All heavy atoms as atom14 arrays in JSON, in Angstrom:
{
  "sequence": "LDLVAGEPAEAVAAAQAAVDAPEGIGTITSYVTEVALPVKDTWKNPAI",
  "atom14_mask": [
    [1, 1, 1, 1, 1, 1, 1, 1, 0, 0, 0, 0, 0, 0],
    [1, 1, 1, 1, 1, 1, 1, 1, 0, 0, 0, 0, 0, 0],
    [1, 1, 1, 1, 1, 1, 1, 1, 0, 0, 0, 0, 0, 0],
    [1, 1, 1, 1, 1, 1, 1, 0, 0, 0, 0, 0, 0, 0],
    [1, 1, 1, 1, 1, 0, 0, 0, 0, 0, 0, 0, 0, 0],
    [1, 1, 1, 1, 0, 0, 0, 0, 0, 0, 0, 0, 0, 0],
    [1, 1, 1, 1, 1, 1, 1, 1, 1, 0, 0, 0, 0, 0],
    [1, 1, 1, 1, 1, 1, 1, 0, 0, 0, 0, 0, 0, 0],
    [1, 1, 1, 1, 1, 0, 0, 0, 0, 0, 0, 0, 0, 0],
    [1, 1, 1, 1, 1, 1, 1, 1, 1, 0, 0, 0, 0, 0],
    [1, 1, 1, 1, 1, 0, 0, 0, 0, 0, 0, 0, 0, 0],
    [1, 1, 1, 1, 1, 1, 1, 0, 0, 0, 0, 0, 0, 0],
    [1, 1, 1, 1, 1, 0, 0, 0, 0, 0, 0, 0, 0, 0],
    [1, 1, 1, 1, 1, 0, 0, 0, 0, 0, 0, 0, 0, 0],
    [1, 1, 1, 1, 1, 0, 0, 0, 0, 0, 0, 0, 0, 0],
    [1, 1, 1, 1, 1, 1, 1, 1, 1, 0, 0, 0, 0, 0],
    [1, 1, 1, 1, 1, 0, 0, 0, 0, 0, 0, 0, 0, 0],
    [1, 1, 1, 1, 1, 0, 0, 0, 0, 0, 0, 0, 0, 0],
    [1, 1, 1, 1, 1, 1, 1, 0, 0, 0, 0, 0, 0, 0],
    [1, 1, 1, 1, 1, 1, 1, 1, 0, 0, 0, 0, 0, 0],
    [1, 1, 1, 1, 1, 0, 0, 0, 0, 0, 0, 0, 0, 0],
    [1, 1, 1, 1, 1, 1, 1, 0, 0, 0, 0, 0, 0, 0],
    [1, 1, 1, 1, 1, 1, 1, 1, 1, 0, 0, 0, 0, 0],
    [1, 1, 1, 1, 0, 0, 0, 0, 0, 0, 0, 0, 0, 0],
    [1, 1, 1, 1, 1, 1, 1, 1, 0, 0, 0, 0, 0, 0],
    [1, 1, 1, 1, 0, 0, 0, 0, 0, 0, 0, 0, 0, 0],
    [1, 1, 1, 1, 1, 1, 1, 0, 0, 0, 0, 0, 0, 0],
    [1, 1, 1, 1, 1, 1, 1, 1, 0, 0, 0, 0, 0, 0],
    [1, 1, 1, 1, 1, 1, 1, 0, 0, 0, 0, 0, 0, 0],
    [1, 1, 1, 1, 1, 1, 0, 0, 0, 0, 0, 0, 0, 0],
    [1, 1, 1, 1, 1, 1, 1, 1, 1, 1, 1, 1, 0, 0],
    [1, 1, 1, 1, 1, 1, 1, 0, 0, 0, 0, 0, 0, 0],
    [1, 1, 1, 1, 1, 1, 1, 0, 0, 0, 0, 0, 0, 0],
    [1, 1, 1, 1, 1, 1, 1, 1, 1, 0, 0, 0, 0, 0],
    [1, 1, 1, 1, 1, 1, 1, 0, 0, 0, 0, 0, 0, 0],
    [1, 1, 1, 1, 1, 0, 0, 0, 0, 0, 0, 0, 0, 0],
    [1, 1, 1, 1, 1, 1, 1, 1, 0, 0, 0, 0, 0, 0],
    [1, 1, 1, 1, 1, 1, 1, 0, 0, 0, 0, 0, 0, 0],
    [1, 1, 1, 1, 1, 1, 1, 0, 0, 0, 0, 0, 0, 0],
    [1, 1, 1, 1, 1, 1, 1, 1, 1, 0, 0, 0, 0, 0],
    [1, 1, 1, 1, 1, 1, 1, 1, 0, 0, 0, 0, 0, 0],
    [1, 1, 1, 1, 1, 1, 1, 0, 0, 0, 0, 0, 0, 0],
    [1, 1, 1, 1, 1, 1, 1, 1, 1, 1, 1, 1, 1, 1],
    [1, 1, 1, 1, 1, 1, 1, 1, 1, 0, 0, 0, 0, 0],
    [1, 1, 1, 1, 1, 1, 1, 1, 0, 0, 0, 0, 0, 0],
    [1, 1, 1, 1, 1, 1, 1, 0, 0, 0, 0, 0, 0, 0],
    [1, 1, 1, 1, 1, 0, 0, 0, 0, 0, 0, 0, 0, 0],
    [1, 1, 1, 1, 1, 1, 1, 1, 0, 0, 0, 0, 0, 0]
  ],
  "atom14_positions": [
    [[-9.93, 71.42, 15.63], [-9.51, 71.99, 14.32], [-10.17, 73.37, 14.01], [-9.59, 74.15, 13.27], [-9.79, 70.99, 13.17], [-8.99, 69.73, 13.23], [-9.47, 68.8, 12.1], [-7.49, 69.99, 13.1], [0.0, 0.0, 0.0], [0.0, 0.0, 0.0], [0.0, 0.0, 0.0], [0.0, 0.0, 0.0], [0.0, 0.0, 0.0], [0.0, 0.0, 0.0]],
    [[-11.3, 73.6, 14.63], [-11.93, 74.92, 14.39], [-11.09, 76.03, 14.97], [-11.14, 77.19, 14.5], [-13.33, 74.95, 15.03], [-14.29, 74.03, 14.33], [-14.09, 73.73, 13.14], [-15.3, 73.6, 15.01], [0.0, 0.0, 0.0], [0.0, 0.0, 0.0], [0.0, 0.0, 0.0], [0.0, 0.0, 0.0], [0.0, 0.0, 0.0], [0.0, 0.0, 0.0]],
    [[-10.31, 75.7, 16.02], [-9.52, 76.76, 16.66], [-8.26, 77.12, 15.83], [-7.63, 78.19, 16.06], [-9.07, 76.32, 18.05], [-10.21, 76.08, 19.05], [-9.64, 75.58, 20.41], [-10.94, 77.38, 19.3], [0.0, 0.0, 0.0], [0.0, 0.0, 0.0], [0.0, 0.0, 0.0], [0.0, 0.0, 0.0], [0.0, 0.0, 0.0], [0.0, 0.0, 0.0]],
    [[-7.9, 76.28, 14.91], [-6.67, 76.6, 14.09], [-7.04, 77.06, 12.69], [-6.23, 77.34, 11.84], [-5.69, 75.4, 13.95], [-5.06, 75.05, 15.29], [-6.34, 74.14, 13.38], [0.0, 0.0, 0.0], [0.0, 0.0, 0.0], [0.0, 0.0, 0.0], [0.0, 0.0, 0.0], [0.0, 0.0, 0.0], [0.0, 0.0, 0.0], [0.0, 0.0, 0.0]],
    [[-8.35, 77.17, 12.41], [-8.82, 77.67, 11.13], [-8.2, 79.11, 10.91], [-8.27, 79.91, 11.78], [-10.32, 77.75, 11.05], [0.0, 0.0, 0.0], [0.0, 0.0, 0.0], [0.0, 0.0, 0.0], [0.0, 0.0, 0.0], [0.0, 0.0, 0.0], [0.0, 0.0, 0.0], [0.0, 0.0, 0.0], [0.0, 0.0, 0.0], [0.0, 0.0, 0.0]],
    [[-7.67, 79.32, 9.78], [-7.08, 80.61, 9.45], [-5.6, 80.74, 9.93], [-4.99, 81.79, 9.66], [0.0, 0.0, 0.0], [0.0, 0.0, 0.0], [0.0, 0.0, 0.0], [0.0, 0.0, 0.0], [0.0, 0.0, 0.0], [0.0, 0.0, 0.0], [0.0, 0.0, 0.0], [0.0, 0.0, 0.0], [0.0, 0.0, 0.0], [0.0, 0.0, 0.0]],
    [[-5.1, 79.75, 10.64], [-3.68, 79.77, 10.98], [-2.8, 79.34, 9.84], [-3.33, 78.83, 8.84], [-3.47, 78.85, 12.2], [-4.17, 79.3, 13.48], [-3.67, 80.58, 14.03], [-2.44, 80.91, 13.9], [-4.52, 81.45, 14.56], [0.0, 0.0, 0.0], [0.0, 0.0, 0.0], [0.0, 0.0, 0.0], [0.0, 0.0, 0.0], [0.0, 0.0, 0.0]],
    [[-1.5, 79.5, 9.95], [-0.61, 79.06, 8.82], [-0.83, 77.56, 8.5], [-1.21, 76.82, 9.37], [0.82, 79.26, 9.37], [0.63, 80.36, 10.43], [-0.72, 80.15, 10.96], [0.0, 0.0, 0.0], [0.0, 0.0, 0.0], [0.0, 0.0, 0.0], [0.0, 0.0, 0.0], [0.0, 0.0, 0.0], [0.0, 0.0, 0.0], [0.0, 0.0, 0.0]],
    [[-0.58, 77.22, 7.24], [-0.8, 75.86, 6.79], [-0.04, 74.83, 7.62], [-0.6, 73.73, 7.92], [-0.41, 75.71, 5.31], [0.0, 0.0, 0.0], [0.0, 0.0, 0.0], [0.0, 0.0, 0.0], [0.0, 0.0, 0.0], [0.0, 0.0, 0.0], [0.0, 0.0, 0.0], [0.0, 0.0, 0.0], [0.0, 0.0, 0.0], [0.0, 0.0, 0.0]],
    [[1.16, 75.17, 8.1], [1.92, 74.22, 8.91], [1.22, 73.94, 10.2], [1.25, 72.75, 10.67], [3.35, 74.79, 9.22], [4.19, 75.04, 7.99], [3.9, 76.38, 7.33], [3.38, 77.31, 7.97], [4.23, 76.51, 6.11], [0.0, 0.0, 0.0], [0.0, 0.0, 0.0], [0.0, 0.0, 0.0], [0.0, 0.0, 0.0], [0.0, 0.0, 0.0]],
    [[0.61, 74.93, 10.86], [-0.13, 74.71, 12.09], [-1.35, 73.85, 11.88], [-1.65, 72.92, 12.65], [-0.51, 76.03, 12.67], [0.0, 0.0, 0.0], [0.0, 0.0, 0.0], [0.0, 0.0, 0.0], [0.0, 0.0, 0.0], [0.0, 0.0, 0.0], [0.0, 0.0, 0.0], [0.0, 0.0, 0.0], [0.0, 0.0, 0.0], [0.0, 0.0, 0.0]],
    [[-2.08, 74.14, 10.77], [-3.26, 73.36, 10.45], [-2.82, 71.89, 10.18], [-3.52, 70.95, 10.64], [-4.02, 73.96, 9.26], [-5.22, 73.07, 8.84], [-4.53, 75.36, 9.64], [0.0, 0.0, 0.0], [0.0, 0.0, 0.0], [0.0, 0.0, 0.0], [0.0, 0.0, 0.0], [0.0, 0.0, 0.0], [0.0, 0.0, 0.0], [0.0, 0.0, 0.0]],
    [[-1.79, 71.71, 9.45], [-1.28, 70.32, 9.1], [-0.89, 69.61, 10.37], [-1.18, 68.39, 10.53], [-0.16, 70.38, 8.14], [0.0, 0.0, 0.0], [0.0, 0.0, 0.0], [0.0, 0.0, 0.0], [0.0, 0.0, 0.0], [0.0, 0.0, 0.0], [0.0, 0.0, 0.0], [0.0, 0.0, 0.0], [0.0, 0.0, 0.0], [0.0, 0.0, 0.0]],
    [[-0.22, 70.27, 11.29], [0.2, 69.64, 12.57], [-0.99, 69.24, 13.41], [-1.08, 68.16, 13.95], [1.16, 70.55, 13.35], [0.0, 0.0, 0.0], [0.0, 0.0, 0.0], [0.0, 0.0, 0.0], [0.0, 0.0, 0.0], [0.0, 0.0, 0.0], [0.0, 0.0, 0.0], [0.0, 0.0, 0.0], [0.0, 0.0, 0.0], [0.0, 0.0, 0.0]],
    [[-2.04, 70.16, 13.4], [-3.22, 69.81, 14.18], [-3.94, 68.66, 13.54], [-4.44, 67.73, 14.22], [-4.12, 71.07, 14.24], [0.0, 0.0, 0.0], [0.0, 0.0, 0.0], [0.0, 0.0, 0.0], [0.0, 0.0, 0.0], [0.0, 0.0, 0.0], [0.0, 0.0, 0.0], [0.0, 0.0, 0.0], [0.0, 0.0, 0.0], [0.0, 0.0, 0.0]],
    [[-4.02, 68.65, 12.23], [-4.71, 67.52, 11.53], [-3.99, 66.21, 11.79], [-4.58, 65.19, 12.03], [-4.8, 67.78, 10.05], [-5.62, 66.77, 9.26], [-7.07, 66.7, 9.69], [-7.75, 67.75, 9.61], [-7.53, 65.56, 10.14], [0.0, 0.0, 0.0], [0.0, 0.0, 0.0], [0.0, 0.0, 0.0], [0.0, 0.0, 0.0], [0.0, 0.0, 0.0]],
    [[-2.63, 66.26, 11.76], [-1.86, 65.06, 12.04], [-2.13, 64.52, 13.48], [-2.24, 63.29, 13.67], [-0.33, 65.33, 11.87], [0.0, 0.0, 0.0], [0.0, 0.0, 0.0], [0.0, 0.0, 0.0], [0.0, 0.0, 0.0], [0.0, 0.0, 0.0], [0.0, 0.0, 0.0], [0.0, 0.0, 0.0], [0.0, 0.0, 0.0], [0.0, 0.0, 0.0]],
    [[-2.29, 65.43, 14.43], [-2.6, 65.02, 15.8], [-3.96, 64.39, 15.88], [-4.22, 63.42, 16.6], [-2.47, 66.2, 16.75], [0.0, 0.0, 0.0], [0.0, 0.0, 0.0], [0.0, 0.0, 0.0], [0.0, 0.0, 0.0], [0.0, 0.0, 0.0], [0.0, 0.0, 0.0], [0.0, 0.0, 0.0], [0.0, 0.0, 0.0], [0.0, 0.0, 0.0]],
    [[-4.95, 64.98, 15.13], [-6.27, 64.44, 15.08], [-6.27, 62.99, 14.53], [-7.0, 62.11, 14.94], [-7.27, 65.38, 14.33], [-8.58, 64.67, 14.05], [-7.45, 66.64, 15.19], [0.0, 0.0, 0.0], [0.0, 0.0, 0.0], [0.0, 0.0, 0.0], [0.0, 0.0, 0.0], [0.0, 0.0, 0.0], [0.0, 0.0, 0.0], [0.0, 0.0, 0.0]],
    [[-5.5, 62.83, 13.46], [-5.47, 61.55, 12.73], [-4.6, 60.46, 13.45], [-4.68, 59.31, 13.14], [-4.89, 61.74, 11.29], [-5.78, 62.59, 10.45], [-6.98, 62.71, 10.77], [-5.26, 63.15, 9.51], [0.0, 0.0, 0.0], [0.0, 0.0, 0.0], [0.0, 0.0, 0.0], [0.0, 0.0, 0.0], [0.0, 0.0, 0.0], [0.0, 0.0, 0.0]],
    [[-3.79, 60.88, 14.48], [-2.92, 59.97, 15.15], [-3.76, 59.0, 15.99], [-4.92, 59.29, 16.37], [-1.97, 60.75, 16.06], [0.0, 0.0, 0.0], [0.0, 0.0, 0.0], [0.0, 0.0, 0.0], [0.0, 0.0, 0.0], [0.0, 0.0, 0.0], [0.0, 0.0, 0.0], [0.0, 0.0, 0.0], [0.0, 0.0, 0.0], [0.0, 0.0, 0.0]],
    [[-3.17, 57.88, 16.32], [-3.89, 56.85, 17.16], [-4.18, 57.49, 18.56], [-3.47, 58.43, 18.99], [-2.99, 55.67, 17.26], [-1.62, 56.13, 16.78], [-1.86, 57.39, 15.95], [0.0, 0.0, 0.0], [0.0, 0.0, 0.0], [0.0, 0.0, 0.0], [0.0, 0.0, 0.0], [0.0, 0.0, 0.0], [0.0, 0.0, 0.0], [0.0, 0.0, 0.0]],
    [[-5.13, 56.89, 19.2], [-5.5, 57.34, 20.59], [-4.24, 57.17, 21.5], [-3.39, 56.32, 21.3], [-6.62, 56.53, 21.11], [-7.94, 56.84, 20.41], [-8.47, 58.22, 20.64], [-8.29, 58.81, 21.73], [-8.97, 58.78, 19.64], [0.0, 0.0, 0.0], [0.0, 0.0, 0.0], [0.0, 0.0, 0.0], [0.0, 0.0, 0.0], [0.0, 0.0, 0.0]],
    [[-4.24, 57.96, 22.54], [-3.15, 57.86, 23.53], [-3.42, 56.77, 24.52], [-4.32, 55.91, 24.36], [0.0, 0.0, 0.0], [0.0, 0.0, 0.0], [0.0, 0.0, 0.0], [0.0, 0.0, 0.0], [0.0, 0.0, 0.0], [0.0, 0.0, 0.0], [0.0, 0.0, 0.0], [0.0, 0.0, 0.0], [0.0, 0.0, 0.0], [0.0, 0.0, 0.0]],
    [[-2.59, 56.71, 25.55], [-2.7, 55.64, 26.57], [-3.36, 56.28, 27.79], [-2.76, 57.02, 28.53], [-1.29, 55.17, 26.95], [-0.56, 54.66, 25.75], [-1.39, 54.11, 28.02], [0.92, 54.43, 25.95], [0.0, 0.0, 0.0], [0.0, 0.0, 0.0], [0.0, 0.0, 0.0], [0.0, 0.0, 0.0], [0.0, 0.0, 0.0], [0.0, 0.0, 0.0]],
    [[-4.6, 55.95, 28.05], [-5.35, 56.43, 29.22], [-5.8, 57.82, 29.15], [-5.85, 58.44, 28.09], [0.0, 0.0, 0.0], [0.0, 0.0, 0.0], [0.0, 0.0, 0.0], [0.0, 0.0, 0.0], [0.0, 0.0, 0.0], [0.0, 0.0, 0.0], [0.0, 0.0, 0.0], [0.0, 0.0, 0.0], [0.0, 0.0, 0.0], [0.0, 0.0, 0.0]],
    [[-6.24, 58.37, 30.24], [-6.74, 59.71, 30.4], [-5.88, 60.39, 31.45], [-5.07, 59.75, 32.1], [-8.2, 59.68, 30.89], [-8.24, 59.17, 32.18], [-9.1, 58.88, 29.96], [0.0, 0.0, 0.0], [0.0, 0.0, 0.0], [0.0, 0.0, 0.0], [0.0, 0.0, 0.0], [0.0, 0.0, 0.0], [0.0, 0.0, 0.0], [0.0, 0.0, 0.0]],
    [[-6.14, 61.68, 31.64], [-5.35, 62.48, 32.59], [-5.47, 61.82, 33.95], [-4.49, 61.81, 34.77], [-5.7, 63.93, 32.58], [-4.66, 64.75, 33.34], [-7.08, 64.17, 33.08], [-3.37, 64.91, 32.69], [0.0, 0.0, 0.0], [0.0, 0.0, 0.0], [0.0, 0.0, 0.0], [0.0, 0.0, 0.0], [0.0, 0.0, 0.0], [0.0, 0.0, 0.0]],
    [[-6.63, 61.26, 34.31], [-6.85, 60.68, 35.63], [-6.05, 59.39, 35.81], [-5.87, 58.88, 36.9], [-8.31, 60.52, 36.0], [-8.92, 59.67, 34.93], [-9.05, 61.8, 36.04], [0.0, 0.0, 0.0], [0.0, 0.0, 0.0], [0.0, 0.0, 0.0], [0.0, 0.0, 0.0], [0.0, 0.0, 0.0], [0.0, 0.0, 0.0], [0.0, 0.0, 0.0]],
    [[-5.62, 58.8, 34.67], [-4.82, 57.58, 34.78], [-3.42, 57.84, 35.37], [-2.79, 56.91, 35.8], [-4.56, 57.03, 33.4], [-5.83, 56.75, 32.73], [0.0, 0.0, 0.0], [0.0, 0.0, 0.0], [0.0, 0.0, 0.0], [0.0, 0.0, 0.0], [0.0, 0.0, 0.0], [0.0, 0.0, 0.0], [0.0, 0.0, 0.0], [0.0, 0.0, 0.0]],
    [[-3.04, 59.11, 35.43], [-1.72, 59.43, 35.89], [-1.68, 60.19, 37.23], [-0.75, 60.86, 37.54], [-0.98, 60.22, 34.83], [-0.87, 59.39, 33.57], [-1.8, 59.43, 32.55], [0.2, 58.57, 33.33], [-1.76, 58.65, 31.42], [0.3, 57.75, 32.21], [-0.66, 57.84, 31.28], [-0.59, 57.05, 30.17], [0.0, 0.0, 0.0], [0.0, 0.0, 0.0]],
    [[-2.74, 60.09, 37.99], [-2.81, 60.76, 39.28], [-1.79, 60.18, 40.22], [-1.59, 58.97, 40.3], [-4.2, 60.54, 39.92], [-4.26, 61.08, 41.32], [-5.23, 61.31, 39.07], [0.0, 0.0, 0.0], [0.0, 0.0, 0.0], [0.0, 0.0, 0.0], [0.0, 0.0, 0.0], [0.0, 0.0, 0.0], [0.0, 0.0, 0.0], [0.0, 0.0, 0.0]],
    [[-1.03, 61.08, 40.84], [0.08, 60.66, 41.79], [-0.21, 60.96, 43.19], [0.58, 60.67, 44.04], [1.39, 61.28, 41.36], [1.25, 62.71, 41.38], [1.83, 60.87, 39.94], [0.0, 0.0, 0.0], [0.0, 0.0, 0.0], [0.0, 0.0, 0.0], [0.0, 0.0, 0.0], [0.0, 0.0, 0.0], [0.0, 0.0, 0.0], [0.0, 0.0, 0.0]],
    [[-1.34, 61.68, 43.46], [-1.68, 61.99, 44.81], [-3.01, 61.32, 45.15], [-3.88, 61.17, 44.37], [-1.86, 63.49, 44.99], [-0.61, 64.29, 44.77], [-0.84, 65.82, 44.92], [-1.93, 66.19, 45.21], [0.17, 66.51, 44.74], [0.0, 0.0, 0.0], [0.0, 0.0, 0.0], [0.0, 0.0, 0.0], [0.0, 0.0, 0.0], [0.0, 0.0, 0.0]],
    [[-3.07, 60.87, 46.43], [-4.33, 60.31, 46.9], [-4.72, 60.96, 48.2], [-3.94, 61.47, 48.98], [-4.21, 58.76, 47.14], [-3.91, 58.04, 45.89], [-3.11, 58.48, 48.18], [0.0, 0.0, 0.0], [0.0, 0.0, 0.0], [0.0, 0.0, 0.0], [0.0, 0.0, 0.0], [0.0, 0.0, 0.0], [0.0, 0.0, 0.0], [0.0, 0.0, 0.0]],
    [[-6.04, 61.03, 48.43], [-6.53, 61.6, 49.68], [-6.42, 60.51, 50.79], [-6.72, 59.37, 50.56], [-7.96, 61.96, 49.52], [0.0, 0.0, 0.0], [0.0, 0.0, 0.0], [0.0, 0.0, 0.0], [0.0, 0.0, 0.0], [0.0, 0.0, 0.0], [0.0, 0.0, 0.0], [0.0, 0.0, 0.0], [0.0, 0.0, 0.0], [0.0, 0.0, 0.0]],
    [[-5.84, 60.89, 51.86], [-5.66, 59.96, 53.02], [-6.76, 60.14, 54.0], [-7.24, 61.31, 54.25], [-4.26, 60.2, 53.68], [-3.07, 59.99, 52.78], [-1.82, 60.39, 53.49], [-3.01, 58.51, 52.33], [0.0, 0.0, 0.0], [0.0, 0.0, 0.0], [0.0, 0.0, 0.0], [0.0, 0.0, 0.0], [0.0, 0.0, 0.0], [0.0, 0.0, 0.0]],
    [[-7.24, 59.07, 54.59], [-8.29, 59.18, 55.57], [-7.76, 59.81, 56.84], [-6.72, 59.39, 57.35], [-8.76, 57.77, 55.8], [-7.56, 56.94, 55.49], [-6.82, 57.68, 54.39], [0.0, 0.0, 0.0], [0.0, 0.0, 0.0], [0.0, 0.0, 0.0], [0.0, 0.0, 0.0], [0.0, 0.0, 0.0], [0.0, 0.0, 0.0], [0.0, 0.0, 0.0]],
    [[-8.45, 60.83, 57.34], [-7.99, 61.47, 58.56], [-9.25, 61.7, 59.43], [-10.23, 62.24, 58.99], [-7.31, 62.86, 58.23], [-6.94, 63.55, 59.6], [-6.14, 62.68, 57.36], [0.0, 0.0, 0.0], [0.0, 0.0, 0.0], [0.0, 0.0, 0.0], [0.0, 0.0, 0.0], [0.0, 0.0, 0.0], [0.0, 0.0, 0.0], [0.0, 0.0, 0.0]],
    [[-9.14, 61.25, 60.62], [-10.18, 61.52, 61.58], [-9.53, 62.14, 62.82], [-8.34, 61.84, 63.1], [-10.93, 60.21, 61.97], [-11.72, 59.67, 60.8], [-12.51, 58.46, 61.13], [-13.34, 58.07, 59.95], [-13.56, 56.72, 59.8], [0.0, 0.0, 0.0], [0.0, 0.0, 0.0], [0.0, 0.0, 0.0], [0.0, 0.0, 0.0], [0.0, 0.0, 0.0]],
    [[-10.18, 62.89, 63.54], [-9.71, 63.59, 64.74], [-8.71, 64.65, 64.25], [-9.04, 65.39, 63.34], [-9.13, 62.67, 65.76], [-10.21, 61.76, 66.44], [-11.32, 62.23, 66.53], [-9.88, 60.64, 66.77], [0.0, 0.0, 0.0], [0.0, 0.0, 0.0], [0.0, 0.0, 0.0], [0.0, 0.0, 0.0], [0.0, 0.0, 0.0], [0.0, 0.0, 0.0]],
    [[-7.5, 64.76, 64.74], [-6.57, 65.76, 64.38], [-5.22, 65.15, 63.93], [-4.99, 63.94, 64.19], [-6.33, 66.71, 65.48], [-5.61, 65.99, 66.54], [-7.59, 67.33, 66.06], [0.0, 0.0, 0.0], [0.0, 0.0, 0.0], [0.0, 0.0, 0.0], [0.0, 0.0, 0.0], [0.0, 0.0, 0.0], [0.0, 0.0, 0.0], [0.0, 0.0, 0.0]],
    [[-4.4, 65.99, 63.32], [-3.05, 65.49, 62.96], [-2.23, 65.15, 64.18], [-1.45, 64.22, 64.22], [-2.3, 66.47, 62.1], [-2.72, 66.45, 60.67], [-3.49, 67.43, 60.06], [-2.44, 65.51, 59.75], [-3.74, 67.05, 58.76], [-3.09, 65.89, 58.53], [-1.75, 64.28, 59.76], [-2.98, 65.08, 57.33], [-1.68, 63.5, 58.6], [-2.31, 63.91, 57.43]],
    [[-2.4, 65.89, 65.29], [-1.64, 65.64, 66.5], [-2.2, 64.43, 67.25], [-1.46, 63.79, 67.96], [-1.64, 66.87, 67.43], [-0.79, 68.0, 66.9], [-0.69, 69.08, 67.86], [0.22, 70.17, 67.31], [0.44, 71.24, 68.24], [0.0, 0.0, 0.0], [0.0, 0.0, 0.0], [0.0, 0.0, 0.0], [0.0, 0.0, 0.0], [0.0, 0.0, 0.0]],
    [[-3.51, 64.2, 67.09], [-4.08, 63.07, 67.8], [-4.97, 62.33, 66.81], [-6.23, 62.38, 66.97], [-4.95, 63.58, 68.99], [-5.41, 62.5, 69.86], [-4.91, 61.36, 69.82], [-6.42, 62.75, 70.74], [0.0, 0.0, 0.0], [0.0, 0.0, 0.0], [0.0, 0.0, 0.0], [0.0, 0.0, 0.0], [0.0, 0.0, 0.0], [0.0, 0.0, 0.0]],
    [[-4.39, 61.57, 65.85], [-5.24, 60.93, 64.86], [-5.93, 59.67, 65.4], [-5.51, 59.0, 66.33], [-4.21, 60.5, 63.76], [-2.92, 60.39, 64.51], [-3.03, 61.38, 65.62], [0.0, 0.0, 0.0], [0.0, 0.0, 0.0], [0.0, 0.0, 0.0], [0.0, 0.0, 0.0], [0.0, 0.0, 0.0], [0.0, 0.0, 0.0], [0.0, 0.0, 0.0]],
    [[-7.12, 59.42, 64.83], [-7.85, 58.2, 65.22], [-7.16, 57.02, 64.58], [-6.37, 57.09, 63.68], [-9.26, 58.33, 64.69], [0.0, 0.0, 0.0], [0.0, 0.0, 0.0], [0.0, 0.0, 0.0], [0.0, 0.0, 0.0], [0.0, 0.0, 0.0], [0.0, 0.0, 0.0], [0.0, 0.0, 0.0], [0.0, 0.0, 0.0], [0.0, 0.0, 0.0]],
    [[-7.46, 55.8, 65.08], [-6.91, 54.58, 64.58], [-7.26, 54.46, 63.11], [-8.41, 54.68, 62.69], [-7.43, 53.4, 65.38], [-6.95, 53.43, 66.83], [-7.02, 52.06, 64.73], [-7.49, 52.42, 67.72], [0.0, 0.0, 0.0], [0.0, 0.0, 0.0], [0.0, 0.0, 0.0], [0.0, 0.0, 0.0], [0.0, 0.0, 0.0], [0.0, 0.0, 0.0]]
  ]
}
């Protein structure tokens, strides 16, 4: 809210509504879609 101080009333009201809203579902890390794959040796000759 400190970042919207001095902005138009509509912007401050929207920011305050977001602060007052219930918590979201999870964190950004809850939505990771990529995983690191184990790799040993090389791509052309991978280990078991």
